[in-house]
Amino acid sequence: MKPALRFLGTRGEIPIRTRRHRRHTSLLLKSGGLCVMIDRGADWLRLPPGLRPDAIVLTHAHPDHAFGLAGGAECPVFATEATLGNLAAFPLADRRVVQPGKPFRLGGFRFEAFPLEHSLRAPAVGYRISAGRRRVFYCPDVAWIPDRRRAIGGIDLYIGDGATVSRPMVRKAGPRLYGHASIHAQIGWCAKAGVTRAIFTHCGRGIVGGDGRRLAVLVRRMGKERGVDARIAHDGWEIPFP
């Protein structure tokens, strides 16, 4: 099996849901016989038949990204020390500590964690994921990428935060930022780094409760203006690893 990405869920921590954005944000990486699930929010407390990941990798410990592990996990869970500490009460038998800047491998995938600014209480990371010569950066919740040049330089696909389309939801506490960068801002990041393809997941109220077709056209237009093929993900969408 060639490497592939499947958007299991694309909904943020919001009360509304639709057929296209029903489940909390989660990404499945597949290669050969290996399946790696990135994030397992509260919607995923019970996995559907046929979904049995060989490993789970977490970006951070917010409920919509990690509380599906409240009942434990049938496989190793990879996360930073801060994230595992926030989940100390969860019965996770096999905890693997991820250190930013120290790559690790799961089958044919190479992961490297990059600290993000997103939450003050649940520190988040994004992952630069490689399969052969192809590279993806995954950050479904992000206000800012401190080491952006190294994180997204030379990648083939950026998968980012769809909480808001044009209006940023970013606040500041001292020198630190928290919240969500807009899709418009993230497209700008991609354009500056020479990244020509972007997909946005973790969709917020504007996308989930809005006119999906109109917003998809708007995001594609935003991207085209900056030389980026920009799209909005939906639950169940599967694409080849770029």
C-alpha atoms as a PDB file:
ATOM      1  CA  MET A   1       0.000   0.000   0.000  1.00  0.00           C
ATOM      2  CA  LYS A   2       1.356   3.420  -0.965  1.00  0.00           C
ATOM      3  CA  PRO A   3       1.381   6.025   1.827  1.00  0.00           C
ATOM      4  CA  ALA A   4      -1.949   7.823   2.199  1.00  0.00           C
ATOM      5  CA  LEU A   5      -3.688  10.367   4.436  1.00  0.00           C
ATOM      6  CA  ARG A   6      -7.285  10.036   5.595  1.00  0.00           C
ATOM      7  CA  PHE A   7      -9.109  12.836   7.370  1.00  0.00           C
ATOM      8  CA  LEU A   8     -11.063  10.827   9.926  1.00  0.00           C
ATOM      9  CA  GLY A   9     -12.597  13.934  11.501  1.00  0.00           C
ATOM     10  CA  THR A  10     -12.435  17.654  10.722  1.00  0.00           C
ATOM     11  CA  ARG A  11     -14.605  19.382  13.358  1.00  0.00           C
ATOM     12  CA  GLY A  12     -13.172  21.621  16.069  1.00  0.00           C
ATOM     13  CA  GLU A  13     -14.404  21.905  19.654  1.00  0.00           C
ATOM     14  CA  ILE A  14     -17.783  23.382  18.701  1.00  0.00           C
ATOM     15  CA  PRO A  15     -21.343  22.209  19.423  1.00  0.00           C
ATOM     16  CA  ILE A  16     -22.554  22.106  15.831  1.00  0.00           C
ATOM     17  CA  ARG A  17     -21.772  19.325  13.403  1.00  0.00           C
ATOM     18  CA  THR A  18     -22.724  18.310   9.881  1.00  0.00           C
ATOM     19  CA  ARG A  19     -22.331  15.262   7.695  1.00  0.00           C
ATOM     20  CA  ARG A  20     -19.096  16.671   6.236  1.00  0.00           C
ATOM     21  CA  HIS A  21     -17.698  17.817   9.587  1.00  0.00           C
ATOM     22  CA  ARG A  22     -19.066  15.409  12.152  1.00  0.00           C
ATOM     23  CA  ARG A  23     -16.158  14.095  14.209  1.00  0.00           C
ATOM     24  CA  HIS A  24     -13.388  15.768  16.168  1.00  0.00           C
ATOM     25  CA  THR A  25     -10.263  16.407  14.152  1.00  0.00           C
ATOM     26  CA  SER A  26      -8.118  13.340  13.549  1.00  0.00           C
ATOM     27  CA  LEU A  27      -5.792  12.233  10.764  1.00  0.00           C
ATOM     28  CA  LEU A  28      -4.914   8.665   9.802  1.00  0.00           C
ATOM     29  CA  LEU A  29      -1.592   7.880   8.119  1.00  0.00           C
ATOM     30  CA  LYS A  30      -1.420   4.591   6.219  1.00  0.00           C
ATOM     31  CA  SER A  31       1.575   2.837   4.706  1.00  0.00           C
ATOM     32  CA  GLY A  32       1.901  -0.851   4.015  1.00  0.00           C
ATOM     33  CA  GLY A  33       0.054  -2.516   6.856  1.00  0.00           C
ATOM     34  CA  LEU A  34       0.726   0.323   9.313  1.00  0.00           C
ATOM     35  CA  CYS A  35      -1.921   2.803  10.522  1.00  0.00           C
ATOM     36  CA  VAL A  36      -1.002   5.808  12.664  1.00  0.00           C
ATOM     37  CA  MET A  37      -3.764   7.953  14.168  1.00  0.00           C
ATOM     38  CA  ILE A  38      -2.893  11.568  14.955  1.00  0.00           C
ATOM     39  CA  ASP A  39      -5.115  12.843  17.774  1.00  0.00           C
ATOM     40  CA  ARG A  40      -8.037  11.010  19.344  1.00  0.00           C
ATOM     41  CA  GLY A  41     -10.581  13.469  20.700  1.00  0.00           C
ATOM     42  CA  ALA A  42     -13.652  12.776  22.804  1.00  0.00           C
ATOM     43  CA  ASP A  43     -15.660  11.778  19.714  1.00  0.00           C
ATOM     44  CA  TRP A  44     -13.307   8.828  19.317  1.00  0.00           C
ATOM     45  CA  LEU A  45     -13.729   7.295  22.782  1.00  0.00           C
ATOM     46  CA  ARG A  46     -15.129   4.264  20.974  1.00  0.00           C
ATOM     47  CA  LEU A  47     -13.407   3.507  17.706  1.00  0.00           C
ATOM     48  CA  PRO A  48     -15.617   2.397  14.812  1.00  0.00           C
ATOM     49  CA  PRO A  49     -15.275  -1.179  13.508  1.00  0.00           C
ATOM     50  CA  GLY A  50     -12.227  -1.572  11.305  1.00  0.00           C
ATOM     51  CA  LEU A  51     -10.259   1.311  12.833  1.00  0.00           C
ATOM     52  CA  ARG A  52      -7.451  -0.225  14.860  1.00  0.00           C
ATOM     53  CA  PRO A  53      -4.390   2.055  14.814  1.00  0.00           C
ATOM     54  CA  ASP A  54      -0.941   0.625  15.438  1.00  0.00           C
ATOM     55  CA  ALA A  55       0.081   3.861  17.172  1.00  0.00           C
ATOM     56  CA  ILE A  56      -1.497   7.133  18.291  1.00  0.00           C
ATOM     57  CA  VAL A  57       0.393  10.427  18.086  1.00  0.00           C
ATOM     58  CA  LEU A  58      -0.946  13.483  19.945  1.00  0.00           C
ATOM     59  CA  THR A  59      -0.502  17.169  19.166  1.00  0.00           C
ATOM     60  CA  HIS A  60      -1.761  18.346  22.592  1.00  0.00           C
ATOM     61  CA  ALA A  61      -4.090  17.479  25.458  1.00  0.00           C
ATOM     62  CA  HIS A  62      -7.256  19.461  24.695  1.00  0.00           C
ATOM     63  CA  PRO A  63     -10.454  17.351  24.915  1.00  0.00           C
ATOM     64  CA  ASP A  64     -11.104  17.423  21.166  1.00  0.00           C
ATOM     65  CA  HIS A  65      -7.621  16.027  20.536  1.00  0.00           C
ATOM     66  CA  ALA A  66      -6.967  13.610  23.400  1.00  0.00           C
ATOM     67  CA  PHE A  67     -10.020  12.730  25.505  1.00  0.00           C
ATOM     68  CA  GLY A  68     -10.871   9.726  23.365  1.00  0.00           C
ATOM     69  CA  LEU A  69      -8.061   8.108  25.373  1.00  0.00           C
ATOM     70  CA  ALA A  70      -9.911   8.442  28.677  1.00  0.00           C
ATOM     71  CA  GLY A  71     -10.653   4.715  28.578  1.00  0.00           C
ATOM     72  CA  GLY A  72      -7.126   3.741  27.592  1.00  0.00           C
ATOM     73  CA  ALA A  73      -5.504   2.713  24.326  1.00  0.00           C
ATOM     74  CA  GLU A  74      -4.794  -0.593  22.634  1.00  0.00           C
ATOM     75  CA  CYS A  75      -1.491   0.672  21.192  1.00  0.00           C
ATOM     76  CA  PRO A  76       1.462   2.924  22.069  1.00  0.00           C
ATOM     77  CA  VAL A  77       0.675   6.637  22.547  1.00  0.00           C
ATOM     78  CA  PHE A  78       3.326   9.130  21.452  1.00  0.00           C
ATOM     79  CA  ALA A  79       3.219  12.663  22.896  1.00  0.00           C
ATOM     80  CA  THR A  80       5.379  15.302  24.538  1.00  0.00           C
ATOM     81  CA  GLU A  81       6.103  15.097  28.239  1.00  0.00           C
ATOM     82  CA  ALA A  82       3.759  18.055  28.847  1.00  0.00           C
ATOM     83  CA  THR A  83       0.881  16.373  27.013  1.00  0.00           C
ATOM     84  CA  LEU A  84       1.379  13.043  28.765  1.00  0.00           C
ATOM     85  CA  GLY A  85       1.522  14.898  32.072  1.00  0.00           C
ATOM     86  CA  ASN A  86      -1.851  16.502  31.354  1.00  0.00           C
ATOM     87  CA  LEU A  87      -3.209  13.004  30.670  1.00  0.00           C
ATOM     88  CA  ALA A  88      -1.687  11.423  33.769  1.00  0.00           C
ATOM     89  CA  ALA A  89      -5.076  10.161  34.971  1.00  0.00           C
ATOM     90  CA  PHE A  90      -5.738   8.256  31.737  1.00  0.00           C
ATOM     91  CA  PRO A  91      -4.922   4.510  31.824  1.00  0.00           C
ATOM     92  CA  LEU A  92      -2.361   4.515  29.032  1.00  0.00           C
ATOM     93  CA  ALA A  93      -0.251   1.379  29.308  1.00  0.00           C
ATOM     94  CA  ASP A  94       2.380   2.312  26.715  1.00  0.00           C
ATOM     95  CA  ARG A  95       3.448   5.970  26.828  1.00  0.00           C
ATOM     96  CA  ARG A  96       6.218   7.130  24.506  1.00  0.00           C
ATOM     97  CA  VAL A  97       7.747  10.557  25.136  1.00  0.00           C
ATOM     98  CA  VAL A  98       8.239  12.772  22.086  1.00  0.00           C
ATOM     99  CA  GLN A  99      11.014  15.344  22.282  1.00  0.00           C
ATOM    100  CA  PRO A 100      10.800  18.357  19.950  1.00  0.00           C
ATOM    101  CA  GLY A 101      13.730  18.387  17.584  1.00  0.00           C
ATOM    102  CA  LYS A 102      14.390  14.668  18.055  1.00  0.00           C
ATOM    103  CA  PRO A 103      12.841  12.717  15.150  1.00  0.00           C
ATOM    104  CA  PHE A 104      11.286   9.286  15.580  1.00  0.00           C
ATOM    105  CA  ARG A 105      10.038   6.668  13.150  1.00  0.00           C
ATOM    106  CA  LEU A 106       6.830   4.697  12.877  1.00  0.00           C
ATOM    107  CA  GLY A 107       7.124   2.263  10.002  1.00  0.00           C
ATOM    108  CA  GLY A 108       7.848   4.229   6.836  1.00  0.00           C
ATOM    109  CA  PHE A 109       6.993   7.571   8.448  1.00  0.00           C
ATOM    110  CA  ARG A 110       9.476   9.924  10.088  1.00  0.00           C
ATOM    111  CA  PHE A 111       8.060  12.392  12.611  1.00  0.00           C
ATOM    112  CA  GLU A 112       9.629  15.520  14.040  1.00  0.00           C
ATOM    113  CA  ALA A 113       7.745  17.652  16.583  1.00  0.00           C
ATOM    114  CA  PHE A 114       7.864  21.461  16.512  1.00  0.00           C
ATOM    115  CA  PRO A 115       6.531  23.533  19.428  1.00  0.00           C
ATOM    116  CA  LEU A 116       3.574  25.741  18.525  1.00  0.00           C
ATOM    117  CA  GLU A 117       1.902  28.680  20.198  1.00  0.00           C
ATOM    118  CA  HIS A 118      -1.742  27.734  20.687  1.00  0.00           C
ATOM    119  CA  SER A 119      -2.626  27.046  24.339  1.00  0.00           C
ATOM    120  CA  LEU A 120      -1.184  28.233  27.644  1.00  0.00           C
ATOM    121  CA  ARG A 121      -2.326  25.163  29.609  1.00  0.00           C
ATOM    122  CA  ALA A 122      -2.018  22.440  26.968  1.00  0.00           C
ATOM    123  CA  PRO A 123       1.227  23.075  25.062  1.00  0.00           C
ATOM    124  CA  ALA A 124       0.894  21.951  21.458  1.00  0.00           C
ATOM    125  CA  VAL A 125       3.253  20.711  18.792  1.00  0.00           C
ATOM    126  CA  GLY A 126       2.980  20.309  15.053  1.00  0.00           C
ATOM    127  CA  TYR A 127       4.580  17.423  13.214  1.00  0.00           C
ATOM    128  CA  ARG A 128       6.804  17.456  10.169  1.00  0.00           C
ATOM    129  CA  ILE A 129       6.092  14.040   8.672  1.00  0.00           C
ATOM    130  CA  SER A 130       8.198  12.465   5.946  1.00  0.00           C
ATOM    131  CA  ALA A 131       7.707   9.390   3.790  1.00  0.00           C
ATOM    132  CA  GLY A 132      10.588   8.934   1.396  1.00  0.00           C
ATOM    133  CA  ARG A 133      11.264  12.332  -0.173  1.00  0.00           C
ATOM    134  CA  ARG A 134       7.779  13.681   0.531  1.00  0.00           C
ATOM    135  CA  ARG A 135       7.084  15.949   3.498  1.00  0.00           C
ATOM    136  CA  VAL A 136       3.924  17.178   5.228  1.00  0.00           C
ATOM    137  CA  PHE A 137       3.522  19.578   8.143  1.00  0.00           C
ATOM    138  CA  TYR A 138       0.492  18.929  10.360  1.00  0.00           C
ATOM    139  CA  CYS A 139      -0.741  21.556  12.830  1.00  0.00           C
ATOM    140  CA  PRO A 140      -4.531  21.444  13.293  1.00  0.00           C
ATOM    141  CA  ASP A 141      -4.441  23.980  16.164  1.00  0.00           C
ATOM    142  CA  VAL A 142      -2.029  26.880  15.821  1.00  0.00           C
ATOM    143  CA  ALA A 143      -1.696  30.579  16.612  1.00  0.00           C
ATOM    144  CA  TRP A 144       1.972  30.835  15.585  1.00  0.00           C
ATOM    145  CA  ILE A 145       4.875  28.575  14.581  1.00  0.00           C
ATOM    146  CA  PRO A 146       8.005  29.922  16.325  1.00  0.00           C
ATOM    147  CA  ASP A 147      10.474  28.021  14.123  1.00  0.00           C
ATOM    148  CA  ARG A 148       8.352  28.351  11.010  1.00  0.00           C
ATOM    149  CA  ARG A 149      11.218  28.462   8.550  1.00  0.00           C
ATOM    150  CA  ARG A 150      12.503  25.041   9.558  1.00  0.00           C
ATOM    151  CA  ALA A 151       9.060  23.576  10.249  1.00  0.00           C
ATOM    152  CA  ILE A 152       7.492  24.208   6.841  1.00  0.00           C
ATOM    153  CA  GLY A 153      10.467  24.918   4.599  1.00  0.00           C
ATOM    154  CA  GLY A 154      10.584  22.464   1.693  1.00  0.00           C
ATOM    155  CA  ILE A 155       7.332  20.679   2.525  1.00  0.00           C
ATOM    156  CA  ASP A 156       4.941  19.377  -0.129  1.00  0.00           C
ATOM    157  CA  LEU A 157       1.740  19.902   1.864  1.00  0.00           C
ATOM    158  CA  TYR A 158       0.708  22.078   4.813  1.00  0.00           C
ATOM    159  CA  ILE A 159      -2.259  20.838   6.867  1.00  0.00           C
ATOM    160  CA  GLY A 160      -3.419  23.621   9.136  1.00  0.00           C
ATOM    161  CA  ASP A 161      -6.047  25.155  11.403  1.00  0.00           C
ATOM    162  CA  GLY A 162      -9.493  25.888   9.955  1.00  0.00           C
ATOM    163  CA  ALA A 163     -11.024  27.442  13.075  1.00  0.00           C
ATOM    164  CA  THR A 164     -11.498  30.766  11.295  1.00  0.00           C
ATOM    165  CA  VAL A 165     -11.264  31.835   7.655  1.00  0.00           C
ATOM    166  CA  SER A 166     -10.358  35.519   7.699  1.00  0.00           C
ATOM    167  CA  ARG A 167     -10.634  36.861  11.238  1.00  0.00           C
ATOM    168  CA  PRO A 168      -7.772  35.761  13.532  1.00  0.00           C
ATOM    169  CA  MET A 169      -8.633  34.367  16.967  1.00  0.00           C
ATOM    170  CA  VAL A 170      -5.261  35.155  18.521  1.00  0.00           C
ATOM    171  CA  ARG A 171      -4.646  36.714  21.926  1.00  0.00           C
ATOM    172  CA  LYS A 172      -1.523  37.521  23.889  1.00  0.00           C
ATOM    173  CA  ALA A 173      -0.445  36.692  27.445  1.00  0.00           C
ATOM    174  CA  GLY A 174       2.872  38.408  28.088  1.00  0.00           C
ATOM    175  CA  PRO A 175       5.196  37.370  25.263  1.00  0.00           C
ATOM    176  CA  ARG A 176       3.102  34.305  24.367  1.00  0.00           C
ATOM    177  CA  LEU A 177       0.318  33.987  21.833  1.00  0.00           C
ATOM    178  CA  TYR A 178      -2.630  31.641  22.106  1.00  0.00           C
ATOM    179  CA  GLY A 179      -5.696  30.818  20.026  1.00  0.00           C
ATOM    180  CA  HIS A 180      -6.063  30.224  16.297  1.00  0.00           C
ATOM    181  CA  ALA A 181      -4.443  31.862  13.280  1.00  0.00           C
ATOM    182  CA  SER A 182      -6.818  32.466  10.382  1.00  0.00           C
ATOM    183  CA  ILE A 183      -6.708  30.452   7.173  1.00  0.00           C
ATOM    184  CA  HIS A 184      -5.817  33.707   5.411  1.00  0.00           C
ATOM    185  CA  ALA A 185      -2.751  34.164   7.645  1.00  0.00           C
ATOM    186  CA  GLN A 186      -1.629  30.562   7.230  1.00  0.00           C
ATOM    187  CA  ILE A 187      -1.870  30.827   3.449  1.00  0.00           C
ATOM    188  CA  GLY A 188       0.490  33.796   3.812  1.00  0.00           C
ATOM    189  CA  TRP A 189       2.915  31.647   5.807  1.00  0.00           C
ATOM    190  CA  CYS A 190       2.849  29.039   3.053  1.00  0.00           C
ATOM    191  CA  ALA A 191       3.382  31.595   0.296  1.00  0.00           C
ATOM    192  CA  LYS A 192       6.416  33.076   2.056  1.00  0.00           C
ATOM    193  CA  ALA A 193       7.913  29.595   2.515  1.00  0.00           C
ATOM    194  CA  GLY A 194       7.265  28.519  -1.081  1.00  0.00           C
ATOM    195  CA  VAL A 195       4.664  25.911  -0.049  1.00  0.00           C
ATOM    196  CA  THR A 196       2.214  25.482  -2.924  1.00  0.00           C
ATOM    197  CA  ARG A 197      -0.421  23.218  -1.374  1.00  0.00           C
ATOM    198  CA  ALA A 198      -2.460  23.607   1.833  1.00  0.00           C
ATOM    199  CA  ILE A 199      -5.443  21.815   3.369  1.00  0.00           C
ATOM    200  CA  PHE A 200      -7.339  23.109   6.396  1.00  0.00           C
ATOM    201  CA  THR A 201      -8.963  20.899   9.018  1.00  0.00           C
ATOM    202  CA  HIS A 202     -10.212  21.475  12.612  1.00  0.00           C
ATOM    203  CA  CYS A 203     -13.049  23.522  11.131  1.00  0.00           C
ATOM    204  CA  GLY A 204     -14.782  26.137  13.265  1.00  0.00           C
ATOM    205  CA  ARG A 205     -18.284  27.584  13.358  1.00  0.00           C
ATOM    206  CA  GLY A 206     -17.794  29.693  10.254  1.00  0.00           C
ATOM    207  CA  ILE A 207     -17.104  26.659   8.077  1.00  0.00           C
ATOM    208  CA  VAL A 208     -19.208  23.989   9.776  1.00  0.00           C
ATOM    209  CA  GLY A 209     -22.241  26.240  10.218  1.00  0.00           C
ATOM    210  CA  GLY A 210     -21.781  28.257   7.029  1.00  0.00           C
ATOM    211  CA  ASP A 211     -22.200  27.832   3.304  1.00  0.00           C
ATOM    212  CA  GLY A 212     -19.596  25.154   2.669  1.00  0.00           C
ATOM    213  CA  ARG A 213     -19.532  25.552  -1.089  1.00  0.00           C
ATOM    214  CA  ARG A 214     -19.122  29.342  -0.936  1.00  0.00           C
ATOM    215  CA  LEU A 215     -16.398  29.092   1.691  1.00  0.00           C
ATOM    216  CA  ALA A 216     -14.528  26.438  -0.284  1.00  0.00           C
ATOM    217  CA  VAL A 217     -14.488  28.805  -3.267  1.00  0.00           C
ATOM    218  CA  LEU A 218     -13.360  31.673  -1.032  1.00  0.00           C
ATOM    219  CA  VAL A 219     -10.458  29.666   0.438  1.00  0.00           C
ATOM    220  CA  ARG A 220      -9.369  28.499  -3.011  1.00  0.00           C
ATOM    221  CA  ARG A 221      -9.448  32.113  -4.225  1.00  0.00           C
ATOM    222  CA  MET A 222      -7.384  33.254  -1.224  1.00  0.00           C
ATOM    223  CA  GLY A 223      -4.833  30.592  -2.033  1.00  0.00           C
ATOM    224  CA  LYS A 224      -4.740  31.288  -5.751  1.00  0.00           C
ATOM    225  CA  GLU A 225      -3.923  34.932  -5.068  1.00  0.00           C
ATOM    226  CA  ARG A 226      -0.786  33.783  -3.210  1.00  0.00           C
ATOM    227  CA  GLY A 227       0.140  30.834  -5.448  1.00  0.00           C
ATOM    228  CA  VAL A 228      -1.173  28.209  -3.020  1.00  0.00           C
ATOM    229  CA  ASP A 229      -3.664  25.448  -3.851  1.00  0.00           C
ATOM    230  CA  ALA A 230      -5.789  25.813  -0.691  1.00  0.00           C
ATOM    231  CA  ARG A 231      -8.708  23.558   0.235  1.00  0.00           C
ATOM    232  CA  ILE A 232     -10.953  22.681   3.160  1.00  0.00           C
ATOM    233  CA  ALA A 233     -10.912  19.068   4.372  1.00  0.00           C
ATOM    234  CA  HIS A 234     -13.992  17.025   5.239  1.00  0.00           C
ATOM    235  CA  ASP A 235     -14.548  13.805   7.190  1.00  0.00           C
ATOM    236  CA  GLY A 236     -13.575  10.701   5.261  1.00  0.00           C
ATOM    237  CA  TRP A 237     -11.474  12.436   2.595  1.00  0.00           C
ATOM    238  CA  GLU A 238      -8.494  10.285   1.634  1.00  0.00           C
ATOM    239  CA  ILE A 239      -5.567  11.432  -0.504  1.00  0.00           C
ATOM    240  CA  PRO A 240      -2.204   9.936  -1.414  1.00  0.00           C
ATOM    241  CA  PHE A 241       0.714  11.095   0.714  1.00  0.00           C
ATOM    242  CA  PRO A 242       1.691  14.047  -1.515  1.00  0.00           C
END
